[in-house]
Amino acid sequence: FKNFSMLEDVILPDGVTKIEKSAFYGCSNLKKINFPAGLKSIESYAFTGCNLLEDINLPSSLENIGTDVFSDWKGNYGGAG
């Protein structure tokens, strides 16, 4: 989905355990993303340039988060941990 500016809302299904490097990079209109409870890893730059993201709630299952995953983002973070 890299640089797919029409993307606004993402619901990741149960079973997704990893978000690849730069997966949503540059999705400038992305506002909402639902992280599944079993998510274990978010790789670097996955959401760089997603300036419109609303509050982010990461699941307690998250074990690894790369560098600059949410760079350029100015919202609020909340963890489920």
Protein backbone atom coordinates (compact mmCIF):
# COMPACT_ATOMS: atom_id res chain seq x y z
CA PHE A 1 0.00 0.00 0.00
CA LYS A 2 3.06 2.27 -0.03
CA ASN A 3 2.14 5.79 -1.20
CA PHE A 4 -1.51 4.82 -1.80
CA SER A 5 -3.05 8.18 -0.95
CA MET A 6 -6.69 7.04 -1.31
CA LEU A 7 -6.42 4.63 1.64
CA GLU A 8 -8.32 5.98 4.68
CA ASP A 9 -9.23 3.05 6.91
CA VAL A 10 -7.53 -0.32 7.50
CA ILE A 11 -8.77 -3.30 9.48
CA LEU A 12 -6.07 -5.92 9.81
CA PRO A 13 -7.57 -9.37 10.30
CA ASP A 14 -6.78 -11.72 13.15
CA GLY A 15 -3.78 -13.81 12.23
CA VAL A 16 -1.66 -10.88 11.04
CA THR A 17 1.46 -10.97 13.21
CA LYS A 18 3.80 -8.66 11.29
CA ILE A 19 3.55 -5.39 9.38
CA GLU A 20 6.39 -5.21 6.87
CA LYS A 21 8.85 -2.35 6.42
CA SER A 22 7.26 0.71 4.76
CA ALA A 23 3.96 -1.16 4.31
CA PHE A 24 1.82 1.99 4.65
CA TYR A 25 4.57 4.55 4.03
CA GLY A 26 3.19 7.73 2.50
CA CYS A 27 -0.48 6.82 2.88
CA SER A 28 -1.18 10.47 3.55
CA ASN A 29 -4.96 10.10 4.00
CA LEU A 30 -4.87 7.09 6.32
CA LYS A 31 -6.95 8.00 9.38
CA LYS A 32 -7.74 4.73 11.13
CA ILE A 33 -6.00 1.40 11.56
CA ASN A 34 -7.16 -1.50 13.66
CA PHE A 35 -4.28 -3.62 14.94
CA PRO A 36 -5.13 -7.30 15.61
CA ALA A 37 -4.61 -8.66 19.13
CA GLY A 38 -1.88 -11.08 17.98
CA LEU A 39 0.32 -8.51 16.24
CA LYS A 40 3.96 -9.14 17.22
CA SER A 41 6.06 -6.87 15.00
CA ILE A 42 5.88 -3.56 13.14
CA GLU A 43 8.92 -2.96 10.97
CA SER A 44 10.66 0.36 10.33
CA TYR A 45 8.87 3.17 8.48
CA ALA A 46 5.61 1.21 8.32
CA PHE A 47 3.50 4.35 8.89
CA THR A 48 5.91 7.17 8.02
CA GLY A 49 4.02 10.01 6.35
CA CYS A 50 0.64 8.94 7.74
CA ASN A 51 0.03 12.37 9.24
CA LEU A 52 -3.74 12.03 9.63
CA LEU A 53 -3.74 8.90 11.76
CA GLU A 54 -6.02 9.22 14.74
CA ASP A 55 -5.17 7.76 18.15
CA ILE A 56 -3.05 4.61 17.90
CA ASN A 57 -3.76 1.69 20.22
CA LEU A 58 -1.09 -0.97 19.99
CA PRO A 59 -1.87 -4.47 21.28
CA SER A 60 -0.08 -5.89 24.30
CA SER A 61 1.17 -8.76 22.10
CA LEU A 62 3.58 -6.38 20.30
CA GLU A 63 7.17 -7.55 20.84
CA ASN A 64 9.12 -5.54 18.27
CA ILE A 65 8.73 -2.08 16.79
CA GLY A 66 11.22 -0.75 14.26
CA THR A 67 12.68 2.71 13.89
CA ASP A 68 10.65 5.70 12.72
CA VAL A 69 7.48 3.62 12.48
CA PHE A 70 5.23 6.61 13.13
CA SER A 71 7.57 9.47 12.18
CA ASP A 72 5.74 12.63 11.01
CA TRP A 73 2.72 11.64 13.14
CA LYS A 74 1.40 14.11 15.70
CA GLY A 75 -1.43 12.17 17.34
CA ASN A 76 -1.91 10.37 20.63
CA TYR A 77 -0.60 6.93 21.52
CA GLY A 78 -2.34 4.44 23.75
CA GLY A 79 -1.15 0.94 24.45
CA ALA A 80 -3.27 -2.01 25.44
CA GLY A 81 -0.51 -3.34 27.72
